[in-house]
C-alpha cells in the first residue's frame, strides 16, 4: 500500500527541478562567463538555462554550451583566445542585438545560418591576426555590421562563410603588414555599405585568379591610407548600388587588377578626394583591362 505521506515530497522535488531547468538569468556586471559575480543571483548559466540575457561585456574563456542567449544593445559577448562557444541547431539559439566578438584562437561551434541572428544595429567583430578564423554562418539584418580587424599576415583563406549576405562590411586592420588575399570568397552580396578603413602597410586583395562578382547595395568607401585590389589576374566585377567614395592618400594606390579584368560598376556618384593617392584601372604594362563605370556624377577634388 502506498502511503499518502510520500506525495508532498514528490511535489517538492518537482518544484525544485522546474526551478533549476526553467530559469532565466541575466548578467549583473562585466566579467568572465564562469564567474558567479558576473550573473544576477550568482548562478552561472548553462545549456539547461531557458534564457540568458547579456547586458554587459561577458567573456568566454573555456568550453561553454548554451541556448537561448540574447546579447542586448548594451551587451557584448567575447569569445577569447582558448574559449569555445557551442550552440545547438535550434532557431535563434543566439540573438545578437549588441556585439559578438571572436578573438584569435577562439572557436564558435555549431553555427548553421539559422541559429544565430544579427539584428538591426548589431555588430560581429572578427578579431583574428595570423589565422583566418571562421565567420559564423548567421542571418544578417541589412543594418547589421561585420567588422574585420586585427589581421597582420594571415594567408591561405578557404572558408566559404565569407560568401554570406552581410549587412555592412568594414575592413579595419591597421597592423596589417602582408597582403591579405580573400581568394574570391567574398562573392555574394553586401546589403549595406563596404568600407575599407585601413590595410596597414599592405593591401586587401579580393581575388587572385578567380572569377567572382560582388554586389554592394550601398556605398563603396576606401579611406585613410587603405589600399584595395579587386583581382590579381582573374575576372572580377563589383556592382555598387550607391556611391564610390575614394579618399585614400596611400601613394601605393588601389587598383582594379594587374592582368585579367576588373570592373567597378557604380550606380551612383564617383567622388575622389585623395591628395597623393592613386586609383589605377589595371596596372600599366601588364595587359590588364580595368573599367570604372559611373551612372551619375564624376568628381575629382
C-alpha atoms as a PDB file:
ATOM      1  CA  UNK A   1       0.000   0.000   0.000  1.00  0.00           C
ATOM      2  CA  UNK A   2       1.337   3.492  -0.928  1.00  0.00           C
ATOM      3  CA  UNK A   3       1.458   5.985   1.899  1.00  0.00           C
ATOM      4  CA  UNK A   4      -0.082   9.414   1.238  1.00  0.00           C
ATOM      5  CA  UNK A   5       2.780  10.918   3.193  1.00  0.00           C
ATOM      6  CA  UNK A   6       5.053  10.485   0.122  1.00  0.00           C
ATOM      7  CA  UNK A   7       3.077  12.955  -2.066  1.00  0.00           C
ATOM      8  CA  UNK A   8       4.417  16.241  -0.563  1.00  0.00           C
ATOM      9  CA  UNK A   9       7.993  15.024  -1.092  1.00  0.00           C
ATOM     10  CA  UNK A  10       7.332  14.227  -4.762  1.00  0.00           C
ATOM     11  CA  UNK A  11       5.690  17.610  -5.298  1.00  0.00           C
ATOM     12  CA  UNK A  12       8.632  19.372  -3.661  1.00  0.00           C
ATOM     13  CA  UNK A  13      11.127  17.547  -5.873  1.00  0.00           C
ATOM     14  CA  UNK A  14       9.119  18.507  -8.959  1.00  0.00           C
ATOM     15  CA  UNK A  15       9.184  22.189  -7.976  1.00  0.00           C
ATOM     16  CA  UNK A  16      12.955  22.138  -7.472  1.00  0.00           C
ATOM     17  CA  UNK A  17      13.518  20.508 -10.869  1.00  0.00           C
ATOM     18  CA  UNK A  18      11.300  23.083 -12.602  1.00  0.00           C
ATOM     19  CA  UNK A  19      13.178  25.939 -10.925  1.00  0.00           C
ATOM     20  CA  UNK A  20      16.595  24.656 -11.974  1.00  0.00           C
ATOM     21  CA  UNK A  21      15.786  23.869 -15.576  1.00  0.00           C
ATOM     22  CA  UNK A  22      13.349  26.646 -16.462  1.00  0.00           C
ATOM     23  CA  UNK A  23      15.027  29.732 -15.096  1.00  0.00           C
ATOM     24  CA  UNK A  24      16.078  32.927 -16.839  1.00  0.00           C
ATOM     25  CA  UNK A  25      19.406  34.514 -15.986  1.00  0.00           C
ATOM     26  CA  UNK A  26      20.850  37.923 -16.851  1.00  0.00           C
ATOM     27  CA  UNK A  27      24.265  39.467 -16.415  1.00  0.00           C
ATOM     28  CA  UNK A  28      24.843  41.721 -13.415  1.00  0.00           C
ATOM     29  CA  UNK A  29      28.216  43.146 -14.379  1.00  0.00           C
ATOM     30  CA  UNK A  30      31.109  42.845 -16.839  1.00  0.00           C
ATOM     31  CA  UNK A  31      33.212  39.732 -16.285  1.00  0.00           C
ATOM     32  CA  UNK A  32      34.111  36.155 -17.141  1.00  0.00           C
ATOM     33  CA  UNK A  33      31.240  33.803 -18.002  1.00  0.00           C
ATOM     34  CA  UNK A  34      32.351  31.353 -15.293  1.00  0.00           C
ATOM     35  CA  UNK A  35      32.487  33.964 -12.537  1.00  0.00           C
ATOM     36  CA  UNK A  36      29.392  33.857 -10.326  1.00  0.00           C
ATOM     37  CA  UNK A  37      29.707  37.616  -9.749  1.00  0.00           C
ATOM     38  CA  UNK A  38      29.011  38.189 -13.469  1.00  0.00           C
ATOM     39  CA  UNK A  39      25.448  36.885 -13.124  1.00  0.00           C
ATOM     40  CA  UNK A  40      22.428  38.105 -11.186  1.00  0.00           C
ATOM     41  CA  UNK A  41      21.799  35.737  -8.288  1.00  0.00           C
ATOM     42  CA  UNK A  42      25.285  34.267  -8.615  1.00  0.00           C
ATOM     43  CA  UNK A  43      24.076  31.434 -10.879  1.00  0.00           C
ATOM     44  CA  UNK A  44      26.259  30.620 -13.908  1.00  0.00           C
ATOM     45  CA  UNK A  45      24.025  29.801 -16.932  1.00  0.00           C
ATOM     46  CA  UNK A  46      24.487  26.628 -18.969  1.00  0.00           C
ATOM     47  CA  UNK A  47      22.682  24.578 -21.623  1.00  0.00           C
ATOM     48  CA  UNK A  48      19.765  23.931 -19.239  1.00  0.00           C
ATOM     49  CA  UNK A  49      19.081  27.637 -18.677  1.00  0.00           C
ATOM     50  CA  UNK A  50      15.925  28.677 -20.508  1.00  0.00           C
ATOM     51  CA  UNK A  51      17.041  32.218 -21.403  1.00  0.00           C
ATOM     52  CA  UNK A  52      20.270  34.172 -20.913  1.00  0.00           C
ATOM     53  CA  UNK A  53      20.328  37.977 -21.231  1.00  0.00           C
ATOM     54  CA  UNK A  54      23.744  39.597 -21.672  1.00  0.00           C
ATOM     55  CA  UNK A  55      23.578  43.298 -20.824  1.00  0.00           C
ATOM     56  CA  UNK A  56      27.309  43.819 -20.088  1.00  0.00           C
ATOM     57  CA  UNK A  57      30.613  42.611 -21.555  1.00  0.00           C
ATOM     58  CA  UNK A  58      30.844  38.882 -20.845  1.00  0.00           C
ATOM     59  CA  UNK A  59      33.912  36.884 -21.884  1.00  0.00           C
ATOM     60  CA  UNK A  60      34.047  33.161 -22.672  1.00  0.00           C
ATOM     61  CA  UNK A  61      37.442  31.748 -21.707  1.00  0.00           C
ATOM     62  CA  UNK A  62      36.799  27.983 -21.733  1.00  0.00           C
ATOM     63  CA  UNK A  63      34.271  25.490 -23.150  1.00  0.00           C
ATOM     64  CA  UNK A  64      30.602  26.513 -22.863  1.00  0.00           C
ATOM     65  CA  UNK A  65      27.439  25.123 -24.476  1.00  0.00           C
ATOM     66  CA  UNK A  66      24.367  27.356 -24.315  1.00  0.00           C
ATOM     67  CA  UNK A  67      20.979  28.091 -25.856  1.00  0.00           C
ATOM     68  CA  UNK A  68      18.515  30.976 -25.588  1.00  0.00           C
ATOM     69  CA  UNK A  69      21.151  33.730 -25.490  1.00  0.00           C
ATOM     70  CA  UNK A  70      20.202  37.344 -26.208  1.00  0.00           C
ATOM     71  CA  UNK A  71      23.055  39.860 -26.367  1.00  0.00           C
ATOM     72  CA  UNK A  72      21.251  43.152 -25.741  1.00  0.00           C
ATOM     73  CA  UNK A  73      22.105  46.513 -27.296  1.00  0.00           C
ATOM     74  CA  UNK A  74      24.204  47.308 -24.203  1.00  0.00           C
ATOM     75  CA  UNK A  75      25.921  43.918 -24.195  1.00  0.00           C
ATOM     76  CA  UNK A  76      28.991  42.344 -25.792  1.00  0.00           C
ATOM     77  CA  UNK A  77      29.812  38.639 -25.848  1.00  0.00           C
ATOM     78  CA  UNK A  78      33.522  37.957 -26.409  1.00  0.00           C
ATOM     79  CA  UNK A  79      34.935  34.523 -27.217  1.00  0.00           C
ATOM     80  CA  UNK A  80      38.511  34.927 -26.001  1.00  0.00           C
ATOM     81  CA  UNK A  81      41.639  33.060 -27.064  1.00  0.00           C
ATOM     82  CA  UNK A  82      41.142  29.455 -25.968  1.00  0.00           C
ATOM     83  CA  UNK A  83      37.407  29.952 -25.482  1.00  0.00           C
ATOM     84  CA  UNK A  84      34.911  27.628 -27.182  1.00  0.00           C
ATOM     85  CA  UNK A  85      31.226  28.518 -27.549  1.00  0.00           C
ATOM     86  CA  UNK A  86      28.994  25.684 -28.789  1.00  0.00           C
ATOM     87  CA  UNK A  87      25.359  26.264 -29.710  1.00  0.00           C
ATOM     88  CA  UNK A  88      22.640  23.740 -30.631  1.00  0.00           C
ATOM     89  CA  UNK A  89      20.920  23.587 -34.008  1.00  0.00           C
ATOM     90  CA  UNK A  90      17.715  25.350 -32.942  1.00  0.00           C
ATOM     91  CA  UNK A  91      16.234  28.551 -34.341  1.00  0.00           C
ATOM     92  CA  UNK A  92      17.756  31.707 -32.796  1.00  0.00           C
ATOM     93  CA  UNK A  93      19.875  29.939 -30.194  1.00  0.00           C
ATOM     94  CA  UNK A  94      21.856  33.202 -30.117  1.00  0.00           C
ATOM     95  CA  UNK A  95      20.307  36.581 -30.959  1.00  0.00           C
ATOM     96  CA  UNK A  96      22.734  39.497 -31.164  1.00  0.00           C
ATOM     97  CA  UNK A  97      21.347  42.988 -30.690  1.00  0.00           C
ATOM     98  CA  UNK A  98      24.646  44.392 -29.392  1.00  0.00           C
ATOM     99  CA  UNK A  99      28.017  42.841 -30.299  1.00  0.00           C
ATOM    100  CA  UNK A 100      29.589  39.395 -30.651  1.00  0.00           C
ATOM    101  CA  UNK A 101      33.382  39.205 -30.912  1.00  0.00           C
ATOM    102  CA  UNK A 102      35.567  36.206 -31.812  1.00  0.00           C
ATOM    103  CA  UNK A 103      39.272  36.515 -30.992  1.00  0.00           C
ATOM    104  CA  UNK A 104      42.328  34.765 -32.414  1.00  0.00           C
ATOM    105  CA  UNK A 105      42.424  31.185 -31.155  1.00  0.00           C
ATOM    106  CA  UNK A 106      38.720  31.023 -30.260  1.00  0.00           C
ATOM    107  CA  UNK A 107      36.018  28.726 -31.648  1.00  0.00           C
ATOM    108  CA  UNK A 108      32.298  29.153 -32.262  1.00  0.00           C
ATOM    109  CA  UNK A 109      30.900  25.682 -32.959  1.00  0.00           C
ATOM    110  CA  UNK A 110      27.526  24.701 -34.345  1.00  0.00           C
ATOM    111  CA  UNK A 111      26.537  27.788 -36.374  1.00  0.00           C
ATOM    112  CA  UNK A 112      24.179  26.766 -39.182  1.00  0.00           C
ATOM    113  CA  UNK A 113      22.808  30.054 -40.528  1.00  0.00           C
ATOM    114  CA  UNK A 114      19.519  29.715 -38.647  1.00  0.00           C
ATOM    115  CA  UNK A 115      20.654  29.500 -35.038  1.00  0.00           C
ATOM    116  CA  UNK A 116      22.489  32.867 -34.884  1.00  0.00           C
ATOM    117  CA  UNK A 117      20.882  36.131 -35.933  1.00  0.00           C
ATOM    118  CA  UNK A 118      22.310  39.634 -36.057  1.00  0.00           C
ATOM    119  CA  UNK A 119      19.543  42.211 -35.721  1.00  0.00           C
ATOM    120  CA  UNK A 120      19.248  45.859 -36.779  1.00  0.00           C
ATOM    121  CA  UNK A 121      22.258  47.811 -35.466  1.00  0.00           C
ATOM    122  CA  UNK A 122      24.198  44.792 -34.183  1.00  0.00           C
ATOM    123  CA  UNK A 123      27.882  44.053 -34.845  1.00  0.00           C
ATOM    124  CA  UNK A 124      30.035  40.973 -35.335  1.00  0.00           C
ATOM    125  CA  UNK A 125      33.763  41.608 -34.705  1.00  0.00           C
ATOM    126  CA  UNK A 126      36.169  39.169 -36.347  1.00  0.00           C
ATOM    127  CA  UNK A 127      39.351  39.803 -34.357  1.00  0.00           C
ATOM    128  CA  UNK A 128      41.947  37.437 -35.791  1.00  0.00           C
ATOM    129  CA  UNK A 129      45.577  38.217 -36.599  1.00  0.00           C
ATOM    130  CA  UNK A 130      47.646  35.420 -38.192  1.00  0.00           C
ATOM    131  CA  UNK A 131      44.936  32.822 -38.858  1.00  0.00           C
ATOM    132  CA  UNK A 132      41.792  33.185 -40.973  1.00  0.00           C
ATOM    133  CA  UNK A 133      39.278  32.176 -38.317  1.00  0.00           C
ATOM    134  CA  UNK A 134      35.715  31.272 -39.268  1.00  0.00           C
ATOM    135  CA  UNK A 135      32.932  33.834 -39.560  1.00  0.00           C
ATOM    136  CA  UNK A 136      29.802  32.192 -38.124  1.00  0.00           C
ATOM    137  CA  UNK A 137      27.032  31.226 -40.518  1.00  0.00           C
ATOM    138  CA  UNK A 138      24.193  33.522 -39.482  1.00  0.00           C
ATOM    139  CA  UNK A 139      21.175  35.566 -40.505  1.00  0.00           C
ATOM    140  CA  UNK A 140      22.323  39.157 -41.076  1.00  0.00           C
ATOM    141  CA  UNK A 141      19.974  42.143 -40.922  1.00  0.00           C
ATOM    142  CA  UNK A 142      20.628  44.695 -43.663  1.00  0.00           C
ATOM    143  CA  UNK A 143      21.656  47.202 -40.979  1.00  0.00           C
ATOM    144  CA  UNK A 144      23.928  44.851 -39.066  1.00  0.00           C
ATOM    145  CA  UNK A 145      27.710  45.186 -39.412  1.00  0.00           C
ATOM    146  CA  UNK A 146      30.577  42.747 -39.745  1.00  0.00           C
ATOM    147  CA  UNK A 147      33.872  44.297 -38.708  1.00  0.00           C
ATOM    148  CA  UNK A 148      37.156  42.648 -39.724  1.00  0.00           C
ATOM    149  CA  UNK A 149      40.016  43.770 -37.516  1.00  0.00           C
ATOM    150  CA  UNK A 150      43.365  42.507 -36.286  1.00  0.00           C
ATOM    151  CA  UNK A 151      44.816  40.782 -39.350  1.00  0.00           C
ATOM    152  CA  UNK A 152      48.574  41.145 -39.787  1.00  0.00           C
ATOM    153  CA  UNK A 153      49.968  38.441 -42.095  1.00  0.00           C
ATOM    154  CA  UNK A 154      47.178  35.846 -42.381  1.00  0.00           C
ATOM    155  CA  UNK A 155      47.087  33.699 -45.529  1.00  0.00           C
ATOM    156  CA  UNK A 156      45.505  30.579 -47.021  1.00  0.00           C
ATOM    157  CA  UNK A 157      41.902  31.770 -46.831  1.00  0.00           C
ATOM    158  CA  UNK A 158      39.461  28.935 -47.642  1.00  0.00           C
ATOM    159  CA  UNK A 159      36.283  29.445 -45.580  1.00  0.00           C
ATOM    160  CA  UNK A 160      33.067  29.686 -47.596  1.00  0.00           C
ATOM    161  CA  UNK A 161      31.476  31.657 -44.745  1.00  0.00           C
ATOM    162  CA  UNK A 162      32.854  34.820 -46.420  1.00  0.00           C
ATOM    163  CA  UNK A 163      30.177  34.261 -49.081  1.00  0.00           C
ATOM    164  CA  UNK A 164      27.192  35.166 -46.886  1.00  0.00           C
ATOM    165  CA  UNK A 165      24.819  38.066 -47.499  1.00  0.00           C
ATOM    166  CA  UNK A 166      26.130  40.534 -44.905  1.00  0.00           C
ATOM    167  CA  UNK A 167      24.685  43.870 -43.794  1.00  0.00           C
ATOM    168  CA  UNK A 168      27.508  46.434 -43.697  1.00  0.00           C
ATOM    169  CA  UNK A 169      31.123  45.301 -44.134  1.00  0.00           C
ATOM    170  CA  UNK A 170      34.116  47.100 -42.565  1.00  0.00           C
ATOM    171  CA  UNK A 171      37.778  46.149 -43.047  1.00  0.00           C
ATOM    172  CA  UNK A 172      39.969  47.849 -40.430  1.00  0.00           C
ATOM    173  CA  UNK A 173      43.391  46.216 -39.990  1.00  0.00           C
ATOM    174  CA  UNK A 174      45.921  48.966 -39.144  1.00  0.00           C
ATOM    175  CA  UNK A 175      48.663  46.451 -38.212  1.00  0.00           C
ATOM    176  CA  UNK A 176      48.467  44.554 -41.489  1.00  0.00           C
ATOM    177  CA  UNK A 177      51.962  44.018 -42.918  1.00  0.00           C
ATOM    178  CA  UNK A 178      51.257  41.451 -45.639  1.00  0.00           C
ATOM    179  CA  UNK A 179      48.794  41.120 -48.500  1.00  0.00           C
ATOM    180  CA  UNK A 180      45.535  39.572 -47.320  1.00  0.00           C
ATOM    181  CA  UNK A 181      44.032  37.592 -50.206  1.00  0.00           C
ATOM    182  CA  UNK A 182      40.380  36.576 -49.871  1.00  0.00           C
ATOM    183  CA  UNK A 183      40.683  34.291 -52.919  1.00  0.00           C
ATOM    184  CA  UNK A 184      37.330  35.290 -54.398  1.00  0.00           C
ATOM    185  CA  UNK A 185      35.431  34.146 -51.286  1.00  0.00           C
ATOM    186  CA  UNK A 186      33.675  37.475 -50.652  1.00  0.00           C
ATOM    187  CA  UNK A 187      31.418  36.846 -53.613  1.00  0.00           C
ATOM    188  CA  UNK A 188      27.779  37.156 -52.623  1.00  0.00           C
ATOM    189  CA  UNK A 189      26.324  40.488 -51.553  1.00  0.00           C
ATOM    190  CA  UNK A 190      26.737  43.250 -49.030  1.00  0.00           C
ATOM    191  CA  UNK A 191      23.291  44.674 -48.366  1.00  0.00           C
ATOM    192  CA  UNK A 192      24.603  47.936 -46.933  1.00  0.00           C
ATOM    193  CA  UNK A 193      27.965  49.656 -47.484  1.00  0.00           C
ATOM    194  CA  UNK A 194      31.522  48.369 -47.747  1.00  0.00           C
ATOM    195  CA  UNK A 195      34.206  50.437 -46.003  1.00  0.00           C
ATOM    196  CA  UNK A 196      37.934  49.784 -46.308  1.00  0.00           C
ATOM    197  CA  UNK A 197      39.292  51.789 -43.368  1.00  0.00           C
ATOM    198  CA  UNK A 198      42.860  50.514 -43.000  1.00  0.00           C
ATOM    199  CA  UNK A 199      45.155  47.898 -44.540  1.00  0.00           C
ATOM    200  CA  UNK A 200      48.288  48.851 -42.609  1.00  0.00           C
ATOM    201  CA  UNK A 201      51.381  48.936 -44.811  1.00  0.00           C
ATOM    202  CA  UNK A 202      49.951  46.496 -47.367  1.00  0.00           C
ATOM    203  CA  UNK A 203      46.617  45.970 -49.140  1.00  0.00           C
ATOM    204  CA  UNK A 204      43.487  43.818 -49.339  1.00  0.00           C
ATOM    205  CA  UNK A 205      43.167  41.635 -52.433  1.00  0.00           C
ATOM    206  CA  UNK A 206      39.679  40.295 -53.119  1.00  0.00           C
ATOM    207  CA  UNK A 207      40.785  37.583 -55.552  1.00  0.00           C
ATOM    208  CA  UNK A 208      43.907  36.079 -57.035  1.00  0.00           C
ATOM    209  CA  UNK A 209      42.985  34.345 -60.300  1.00  0.00           C
ATOM    210  CA  UNK A 210      39.346  33.579 -59.571  1.00  0.00           C
ATOM    211  CA  UNK A 211      36.302  34.842 -61.421  1.00  0.00           C
ATOM    212  CA  UNK A 212      33.902  36.435 -58.966  1.00  0.00           C
ATOM    213  CA  UNK A 213      31.269  39.105 -58.553  1.00  0.00           C
ATOM    214  CA  UNK A 214      30.229  41.159 -55.531  1.00  0.00           C
ATOM    215  CA  UNK A 215      27.102  43.294 -55.194  1.00  0.00           C
ATOM    216  CA  UNK A 216      27.146  46.208 -52.730  1.00  0.00           C
ATOM    217  CA  UNK A 217      23.735  47.690 -52.020  1.00  0.00           C
ATOM    218  CA  UNK A 218      25.073  50.926 -50.512  1.00  0.00           C
ATOM    219  CA  UNK A 219      28.390  52.771 -50.903  1.00  0.00           C
ATOM    220  CA  UNK A 220      31.934  51.583 -51.522  1.00  0.00           C
ATOM    221  CA  UNK A 221      34.379  53.670 -49.482  1.00  0.00           C
ATOM    222  CA  UNK A 222      38.182  53.466 -49.416  1.00  0.00           C
ATOM    223  CA  UNK A 223      39.540  55.702 -46.667  1.00  0.00           C
ATOM    224  CA  UNK A 224      42.657  56.953 -44.870  1.00  0.00           C
ATOM    225  CA  UNK A 225      45.666  55.109 -46.364  1.00  0.00           C
ATOM    226  CA  UNK A 226      43.830  51.877 -47.133  1.00  0.00           C
ATOM    227  CA  UNK A 227      44.511  50.023 -50.388  1.00  0.00           C
ATOM    228  CA  UNK A 228      42.262  47.638 -52.321  1.00  0.00           C
ATOM    229  CA  UNK A 229      42.888  45.382 -55.305  1.00  0.00           C
ATOM    230  CA  UNK A 230      39.921  43.639 -56.925  1.00  0.00           C
ATOM    231  CA  UNK A 231      41.961  40.872 -58.559  1.00  0.00           C
ATOM    232  CA  UNK A 232      45.498  39.932 -59.456  1.00  0.00           C
ATOM    233  CA  UNK A 233      44.794  38.002 -62.668  1.00  0.00           C
ATOM    234  CA  UNK A 234      41.158  36.885 -62.575  1.00  0.00           C
ATOM    235  CA  UNK A 235      37.904  38.416 -63.752  1.00  0.00           C
ATOM    236  CA  UNK A 236      36.271  40.463 -61.000  1.00  0.00           C
ATOM    237  CA  UNK A 237      33.196  42.695 -61.016  1.00  0.00           C
ATOM    238  CA  UNK A 238      31.836  44.857 -58.218  1.00  0.00           C
ATOM    239  CA  UNK A 239      28.369  46.355 -58.594  1.00  0.00           C
ATOM    240  CA  UNK A 240      27.880  49.380 -56.315  1.00  0.00           C
ATOM    241  CA  UNK A 241      24.276  50.405 -55.772  1.00  0.00           C
ATOM    242  CA  UNK A 242      25.225  53.703 -54.103  1.00  0.00           C
ATOM    243  CA  UNK A 243      28.308  55.923 -54.444  1.00  0.00           C
ATOM    244  CA  UNK A 244      32.009  55.134 -54.744  1.00  0.00           C
ATOM    245  CA  UNK A 245      33.966  57.436 -52.428  1.00  0.00           C
ATOM    246  CA  UNK A 246      37.754  57.243 -52.752  1.00  0.00           C
ATOM    247  CA  UNK A 247      39.633  59.121 -50.032  1.00  0.00           C
ATOM    248  CA  UNK A 248      42.788  57.027 -49.563  1.00  0.00           C
ATOM    249  CA  UNK A 249      46.008  59.029 -49.715  1.00  0.00           C
ATOM    250  CA  UNK A 250      48.266  55.951 -49.957  1.00  0.00           C
ATOM    251  CA  UNK A 251      50.895  56.592 -52.610  1.00  0.00           C
ATOM    252  CA  UNK A 252      50.994  52.885 -53.483  1.00  0.00           C
ATOM    253  CA  UNK A 253      47.402  53.216 -54.577  1.00  0.00           C
ATOM    254  CA  UNK A 254      44.478  50.896 -55.210  1.00  0.00           C
ATOM    255  CA  UNK A 255      43.748  49.108 -58.463  1.00  0.00           C
ATOM    256  CA  UNK A 256      41.113  47.079 -60.237  1.00  0.00           C
ATOM    257  CA  UNK A 257      43.509  44.400 -61.500  1.00  0.00           C
ATOM    258  CA  UNK A 258      47.035  43.531 -62.689  1.00  0.00           C
ATOM    259  CA  UNK A 259      46.297  41.119 -65.532  1.00  0.00           C
ATOM    260  CA  UNK A 260      42.836  39.759 -66.168  1.00  0.00           C
ATOM    261  CA  UNK A 261      39.856  42.090 -65.890  1.00  0.00           C
ATOM    262  CA  UNK A 262      38.492  44.246 -63.106  1.00  0.00           C
ATOM    263  CA  UNK A 263      35.232  46.190 -63.304  1.00  0.00           C
ATOM    264  CA  UNK A 264      33.649  48.619 -60.843  1.00  0.00           C
ATOM    265  CA  UNK A 265      30.084  49.453 -61.865  1.00  0.00           C
ATOM    266  CA  UNK A 266      28.717  52.415 -59.870  1.00  0.00           C
ATOM    267  CA  UNK A 267      25.023  53.253 -59.975  1.00  0.00           C
ATOM    268  CA  UNK A 268      25.509  56.484 -58.028  1.00  0.00           C
ATOM    269  CA  UNK A 269      28.334  59.038 -57.940  1.00  0.00           C
ATOM    270  CA  UNK A 270      32.107  58.702 -58.025  1.00  0.00           C
ATOM    271  CA  UNK A 271      33.916  61.085 -55.680  1.00  0.00           C
ATOM    272  CA  UNK A 272      37.728  61.188 -55.284  1.00  0.00           C
ATOM    273  CA  UNK A 273      39.364  63.447 -52.732  1.00  0.00           C
ATOM    274  CA  UNK A 274      42.743  61.832 -52.087  1.00  0.00           C
ATOM    275  CA  UNK A 275      45.801  64.075 -52.123  1.00  0.00           C
ATOM    276  CA  UNK A 276      48.752  61.906 -53.194  1.00  0.00           C
ATOM    277  CA  UNK A 277      46.507  58.864 -53.590  1.00  0.00           C
ATOM    278  CA  UNK A 278      46.151  56.713 -56.669  1.00  0.00           C
ATOM    279  CA  UNK A 279      43.402  54.599 -58.250  1.00  0.00           C
ATOM    280  CA  UNK A 280      44.594  52.522 -61.211  1.00  0.00           C
ATOM    281  CA  UNK A 281      42.354  50.854 -63.763  1.00  0.00           C
ATOM    282  CA  UNK A 282      44.697  47.957 -64.430  1.00  0.00           C
ATOM    283  CA  UNK A 283      48.455  48.045 -63.803  1.00  0.00           C
ATOM    284  CA  UNK A 284      50.351  49.719 -66.612  1.00  0.00           C
ATOM    285  CA  UNK A 285      52.190  47.405 -68.993  1.00  0.00           C
ATOM    286  CA  UNK A 286      50.687  44.208 -67.561  1.00  0.00           C
ATOM    287  CA  UNK A 287      47.984  43.644 -70.137  1.00  0.00           C
ATOM    288  CA  UNK A 288      45.141  44.008 -67.673  1.00  0.00           C
ATOM    289  CA  UNK A 289      41.835  45.637 -68.527  1.00  0.00           C
ATOM    290  CA  UNK A 290      40.296  47.814 -65.817  1.00  0.00           C
ATOM    291  CA  UNK A 291      36.934  49.584 -66.092  1.00  0.00           C
ATOM    292  CA  UNK A 292      35.145  52.149 -63.947  1.00  0.00           C
ATOM    293  CA  UNK A 293      31.554  52.849 -64.976  1.00  0.00           C
ATOM    294  CA  UNK A 294      29.700  55.690 -63.228  1.00  0.00           C
ATOM    295  CA  UNK A 295      25.988  56.339 -63.773  1.00  0.00           C
ATOM    296  CA  UNK A 296      25.790  59.760 -62.104  1.00  0.00           C
ATOM    297  CA  UNK A 297      28.351  62.461 -61.250  1.00  0.00           C
ATOM    298  CA  UNK A 298      32.120  62.038 -61.562  1.00  0.00           C
ATOM    299  CA  UNK A 299      34.075  64.352 -59.226  1.00  0.00           C
ATOM    300  CA  UNK A 300      37.821  64.789 -58.703  1.00  0.00           C
ATOM    301  CA  UNK A 301      38.726  67.165 -55.880  1.00  0.00           C
END
